[in-house]
N, C-alpha and C. Protein backbone atom coordinates (compact mmCIF):
# COMPACT_ATOMS: atom_id res chain seq x y z
N UNK A 1 9.38 28.35 8.41
CA UNK A 1 8.88 28.24 7.28
C UNK A 1 7.56 28.91 7.07
N UNK A 2 6.94 29.26 7.93
CA UNK A 2 5.85 30.32 7.96
C UNK A 2 6.00 31.49 7.11
N UNK A 3 7.62 32.03 6.94
CA UNK A 3 8.00 33.06 6.09
C UNK A 3 8.21 32.93 4.91
N UNK A 4 8.05 31.48 4.45
CA UNK A 4 8.43 31.44 3.11
C UNK A 4 6.99 31.15 2.07
N UNK A 5 7.03 31.58 0.94
CA UNK A 5 5.87 31.98 -0.06
C UNK A 5 5.48 30.60 -0.05
N UNK A 6 4.08 29.82 -0.48
CA UNK A 6 3.85 28.72 -0.69
C UNK A 6 4.53 27.83 -1.80
N UNK A 7 4.70 28.83 -3.13
CA UNK A 7 5.67 27.68 -4.04
C UNK A 7 6.90 27.66 -3.61
N UNK A 8 7.78 28.26 -2.97
CA UNK A 8 8.83 27.85 -2.63
C UNK A 8 8.73 26.74 -1.35
N UNK A 9 8.01 27.08 -0.57
CA UNK A 9 7.31 25.99 0.59
C UNK A 9 7.58 24.27 -0.42
N UNK A 10 6.20 24.39 -1.31
CA UNK A 10 5.77 23.28 -2.12
C UNK A 10 7.20 22.94 -2.61
N UNK A 11 8.19 23.35 -3.23
CA UNK A 11 9.26 23.36 -3.90
C UNK A 11 10.77 22.69 -3.04
N UNK A 12 10.65 23.10 -1.81
CA UNK A 12 11.40 22.66 -0.71
C UNK A 12 10.82 21.01 -0.24
N UNK A 13 9.63 21.34 -0.19
CA UNK A 13 9.17 19.97 0.45
C UNK A 13 9.13 18.83 -0.90
N UNK A 14 9.03 19.00 -1.93
CA UNK A 14 9.59 18.43 -3.26
C UNK A 14 10.65 18.10 -3.23
N UNK A 15 11.43 18.77 -2.98
CA UNK A 15 13.05 18.04 -2.80
C UNK A 15 13.41 17.43 -1.69
N UNK A 16 12.61 17.80 -0.61
CA UNK A 16 12.95 16.66 0.76
C UNK A 16 12.44 15.24 0.48
N UNK A 17 11.42 15.06 -0.27
CA UNK A 17 10.48 13.94 -0.75
C UNK A 17 11.64 13.28 -1.95
N UNK A 18 11.87 13.86 -2.78
CA UNK A 18 13.03 13.38 -3.80
C UNK A 18 14.31 12.83 -3.13
N UNK A 19 14.59 13.58 -2.35
CA UNK A 19 16.14 12.98 -1.67
C UNK A 19 15.88 12.06 -0.68
N UNK A 20 14.42 12.08 0.12
CA UNK A 20 13.81 10.65 1.03
C UNK A 20 14.29 9.96 -0.05
N UNK A 21 13.59 9.62 -1.18
CA UNK A 21 13.36 8.58 -2.20
C UNK A 21 14.47 7.84 -2.52
N UNK A 22 15.45 9.18 -2.90
CA UNK A 22 16.70 8.47 -3.65
C UNK A 22 17.66 7.80 -2.28
N UNK A 23 17.50 8.39 -0.87
CA UNK A 23 18.16 7.75 0.21
C UNK A 23 17.54 6.41 0.03
N UNK A 24 16.52 6.11 0.39
CA UNK A 24 15.94 4.62 0.74
C UNK A 24 16.38 4.07 -0.82
N UNK A 25 16.36 4.42 -1.91
CA UNK A 25 16.92 3.41 -3.20
C UNK A 25 18.24 3.25 -2.77
N UNK A 26 18.78 3.85 -2.15
CA UNK A 26 20.50 3.52 -1.90
C UNK A 26 20.74 2.33 -0.26
N UNK A 27 19.30 2.69 0.28
CA UNK A 27 19.32 1.66 1.36
C UNK A 27 18.80 0.41 1.01
N UNK A 28 18.49 -0.13 0.28
CA UNK A 28 17.98 -1.37 -0.19
C UNK A 28 18.07 -2.47 0.78
N UNK A 29 19.46 -2.18 1.71
CA UNK A 29 19.75 -3.51 2.84
C UNK A 29 18.57 -2.88 3.76
N UNK A 30 17.92 -1.94 3.87
CA UNK A 30 16.83 -1.74 5.15
C UNK A 30 15.44 -2.30 4.24
N UNK A 31 14.95 -3.05 4.95
CA UNK A 31 13.72 -3.65 4.80
C UNK A 31 12.60 -2.84 5.10
N UNK A 32 11.48 -3.18 4.18
CA UNK A 32 10.16 -2.58 4.87
C UNK A 32 9.38 -2.78 6.11
N UNK A 33 9.57 -4.16 6.55
CA UNK A 33 9.36 -4.25 8.06
C UNK A 33 10.19 -3.70 9.08
N UNK A 34 11.41 -3.32 8.63
CA UNK A 34 12.18 -2.35 9.66
C UNK A 34 11.51 -1.22 9.65
N UNK A 35 11.30 -0.49 8.45
CA UNK A 35 11.16 1.18 8.68
C UNK A 35 9.58 0.97 9.05
N UNK A 36 8.75 0.18 8.97
CA UNK A 36 7.61 -0.19 9.88
C UNK A 36 7.69 -0.27 11.31
N UNK A 37 8.70 -1.20 11.61
CA UNK A 37 8.65 -1.59 13.24
C UNK A 37 9.56 -0.08 13.79
N UNK A 38 10.40 0.90 12.90
CA UNK A 38 11.07 1.64 13.82
C UNK A 38 10.38 3.35 13.63
N UNK A 39 9.29 3.58 12.50
CA UNK A 39 8.99 4.67 11.98
C UNK A 39 7.69 4.53 11.54
N UNK A 40 7.12 3.38 11.55
CA UNK A 40 5.70 3.36 11.11
C UNK A 40 5.08 3.71 9.81
N UNK A 41 6.02 3.52 8.61
CA UNK A 41 5.85 4.07 7.30
C UNK A 41 6.88 3.14 6.82
N UNK A 42 6.87 2.98 5.40
CA UNK A 42 7.81 2.17 4.32
C UNK A 42 7.63 2.79 3.08
N UNK A 43 8.29 2.11 2.38
CA UNK A 43 8.28 2.20 0.73
C UNK A 43 6.59 2.32 0.33
N UNK A 44 6.04 1.17 0.40
CA UNK A 44 5.09 0.84 0.15
C UNK A 44 3.67 1.85 0.88
N UNK A 45 4.11 2.23 2.06
CA UNK A 45 3.45 3.83 2.48
C UNK A 45 3.41 4.91 1.59
N UNK A 46 4.72 5.03 1.60
CA UNK A 46 5.28 6.30 0.61
C UNK A 46 4.50 6.22 -0.89
N UNK A 47 4.47 5.10 -1.81
CA UNK A 47 4.11 4.87 -2.71
C UNK A 47 2.29 5.12 -2.86
N UNK A 48 1.78 4.60 -1.66
CA UNK A 48 0.16 4.87 -1.44
C UNK A 48 -0.18 6.27 -1.48
N UNK A 49 0.84 7.16 -0.54
CA UNK A 49 0.60 8.63 -0.40
C UNK A 49 0.44 8.89 -1.67
N UNK A 50 1.72 8.90 -2.41
CA UNK A 50 2.06 9.60 -3.73
C UNK A 50 0.57 9.18 -4.93
N UNK A 51 0.36 7.98 -4.60
CA UNK A 51 -0.98 7.68 -5.74
C UNK A 51 -2.29 8.29 -4.85
N UNK A 52 -2.55 8.59 -3.78
CA UNK A 52 -3.60 9.20 -2.94
C UNK A 52 -3.45 10.79 -3.86
N UNK A 53 -1.94 11.23 -3.62
CA UNK A 53 -1.51 12.92 -4.14
C UNK A 53 -2.45 12.98 -5.38
N UNK A 54 -1.93 11.77 -5.99
CA UNK A 54 -2.28 11.88 -7.62
C UNK A 54 -3.84 11.97 -7.81
N UNK A 55 -4.13 10.82 -7.25
CA UNK A 55 -5.60 10.73 -7.26
C UNK A 55 -6.72 12.07 -6.91
N UNK A 56 -6.10 12.78 -5.77
CA UNK A 56 -6.63 13.89 -5.09
C UNK A 56 -6.50 15.32 -6.40
N UNK A 57 -5.47 14.93 -6.93
CA UNK A 57 -4.92 16.15 -8.27
C UNK A 57 -5.93 15.32 -9.56
N UNK A 58 -6.27 14.50 -9.72
CA UNK A 58 -7.13 13.70 -10.92
C UNK A 58 -5.91 13.74 -11.74
N UNK A 59 -4.99 13.00 -11.22
CA UNK A 59 -3.56 12.49 -12.38
C UNK A 59 -3.69 11.25 -11.95
N UNK A 60 -3.82 10.69 -13.36
CA UNK A 60 -3.60 9.29 -13.36
C UNK A 60 -2.46 8.51 -13.45
N UNK A 61 -2.58 7.41 -12.18
CA UNK A 61 -1.45 6.95 -11.79
C UNK A 61 -1.80 5.93 -11.44
N UNK A 62 -1.58 4.74 -11.67
CA UNK A 62 -1.46 3.20 -10.70
C UNK A 62 -1.22 3.07 -9.84
N UNK A 63 -1.20 1.90 -9.00
CA UNK A 63 -0.38 1.63 -7.75
C UNK A 63 1.04 0.95 -8.43
N UNK A 64 1.08 0.53 -9.68
CA UNK A 64 2.18 -0.09 -9.83
C UNK A 64 3.23 0.80 -10.27
N UNK A 65 2.20 1.92 -10.81
CA UNK A 65 3.15 3.48 -11.20
C UNK A 65 3.87 4.21 -9.80
N UNK A 66 2.86 4.22 -8.90
CA UNK A 66 3.23 4.98 -7.86
C UNK A 66 4.66 3.96 -7.15
N UNK A 67 4.45 2.90 -7.37
CA UNK A 67 5.61 2.13 -6.55
C UNK A 67 6.73 2.21 -7.23
N UNK A 68 6.93 2.01 -8.50
CA UNK A 68 8.10 2.45 -9.45
C UNK A 68 8.52 3.53 -9.20
N UNK A 69 7.72 4.69 -8.85
CA UNK A 69 8.34 6.06 -8.68
C UNK A 69 8.59 5.98 -7.21
N UNK A 70 8.82 5.07 -6.94
CA UNK A 70 9.34 5.06 -5.04
C UNK A 70 10.72 4.05 -5.07
N UNK A 71 10.08 3.06 -5.53
CA UNK A 71 11.30 1.85 -5.74
C UNK A 71 12.49 2.07 -6.55
N UNK A 72 11.88 3.02 -7.89
CA UNK A 72 12.91 3.15 -9.01
C UNK A 72 13.22 2.05 -9.86
N UNK A 73 12.14 1.07 -9.83
CA UNK A 73 11.92 -0.49 -10.41
C UNK A 73 10.64 -0.73 -10.07
N UNK A 74 10.08 -1.89 -11.05
CA UNK A 74 8.92 -2.77 -10.40
C UNK A 74 8.85 -3.25 -9.01
N UNK A 75 8.12 -3.25 -8.26
CA UNK A 75 7.74 -3.83 -7.20
C UNK A 75 7.98 -5.33 -6.98
N UNK A 76 7.49 -5.82 -7.87
CA UNK A 76 8.37 -7.32 -8.01
C UNK A 76 9.75 -7.49 -8.34
N UNK A 77 10.45 -6.71 -9.00
CA UNK A 77 11.76 -6.72 -9.47
C UNK A 77 12.37 -6.56 -8.23
N UNK A 78 12.06 -5.35 -7.11
CA UNK A 78 12.77 -4.76 -6.04
C UNK A 78 12.63 -6.25 -5.02
N UNK A 79 11.31 -6.41 -4.75
CA UNK A 79 10.97 -7.78 -3.99
C UNK A 79 12.20 -8.96 -4.35
N UNK A 80 12.48 -8.99 -5.44
CA UNK A 80 13.13 -10.39 -5.92
C UNK A 80 14.45 -10.13 -5.74
N UNK A 81 15.01 -8.92 -6.08
CA UNK A 81 16.51 -8.53 -5.51
C UNK A 81 16.94 -8.34 -4.14
N UNK A 82 15.97 -7.56 -3.42
CA UNK A 82 16.30 -7.16 -2.20
C UNK A 82 15.50 -7.25 -0.69
N UNK A 83 14.26 -7.97 -1.16
CA UNK A 83 13.31 -8.53 0.22
C UNK A 83 13.85 -9.74 0.73
N UNK A 84 13.89 -9.73 1.77
CA UNK A 84 14.43 -11.08 2.75
C UNK A 84 12.99 -11.26 3.25
N UNK A 85 13.02 -12.62 4.04
CA UNK A 85 11.58 -13.40 4.68
C UNK A 85 12.31 -12.49 5.91
N UNK A 86 11.05 -12.13 6.57
CA UNK A 86 11.33 -11.22 7.65
C UNK A 86 11.62 -12.41 9.18
N UNK A 87 12.43 -11.82 9.78
CA UNK A 87 12.64 -13.17 10.92
C UNK A 87 11.58 -13.03 11.98
N UNK A 88 11.41 -14.24 12.92
CA UNK A 88 10.48 -14.14 14.07
C UNK A 88 10.45 -12.75 14.88
N UNK A 89 11.60 -12.24 14.73
CA UNK A 89 11.42 -10.84 15.84
C UNK A 89 11.10 -9.54 15.23
N UNK A 90 11.28 -9.69 13.77
CA UNK A 90 10.69 -8.68 13.00
C UNK A 90 9.15 -8.48 13.04
N UNK A 91 8.72 -10.07 12.88
CA UNK A 91 7.42 -10.11 13.10
C UNK A 91 6.74 -10.10 14.07
N UNK A 92 7.47 -10.15 15.21
CA UNK A 92 6.77 -10.02 16.65
C UNK A 92 6.97 -8.48 16.86
N UNK A 93 7.79 -7.69 16.55
CA UNK A 93 8.36 -6.43 16.92
C UNK A 93 6.85 -5.56 15.76
N UNK A 94 6.56 -6.04 15.01
CA UNK A 94 5.53 -5.44 13.94
C UNK A 94 4.20 -5.63 14.62
N UNK A 95 3.90 -7.03 15.02
CA UNK A 95 2.32 -7.56 15.57
C UNK A 95 2.50 -6.39 16.83
N UNK A 96 3.37 -5.91 17.77
CA UNK A 96 3.50 -5.26 18.88
C UNK A 96 3.32 -4.11 18.51
N UNK A 97 3.69 -3.46 17.58
CA UNK A 97 3.64 -1.78 16.93
C UNK A 97 2.42 -1.68 16.62
N UNK A 98 1.98 -2.47 15.79
CA UNK A 98 0.71 -2.25 15.26
C UNK A 98 -0.54 -2.90 15.56
N UNK A 99 -0.46 -2.81 17.28
CA UNK A 99 -1.82 -3.34 17.62
C UNK A 99 -2.59 -2.08 17.93
N UNK A 100 -3.93 -2.17 17.24
CA UNK A 100 -4.79 -0.88 17.51
C UNK A 100 -5.74 -1.16 18.45
């Protein structure tokens, strides 16, 4: 990627981000806690990073707007439609993987 000009690199990175978001929207069966346990980030992290990037650029974006951009709907709607109660095993794995 070092030989690619910065504009093209940004366009490629943006395309990858959009594809990741679409993939996660299509995999509503994958819970955020599973993503956190396996990869150390989840949809909420992505929405927070999006808001951070907007803030750095001076672009007005609320937390709700960044979550909707990632989830494809309001966070409350996504939770009511797709979020399940975390199992004791998931909670235990989360506790073990996020000890500081």
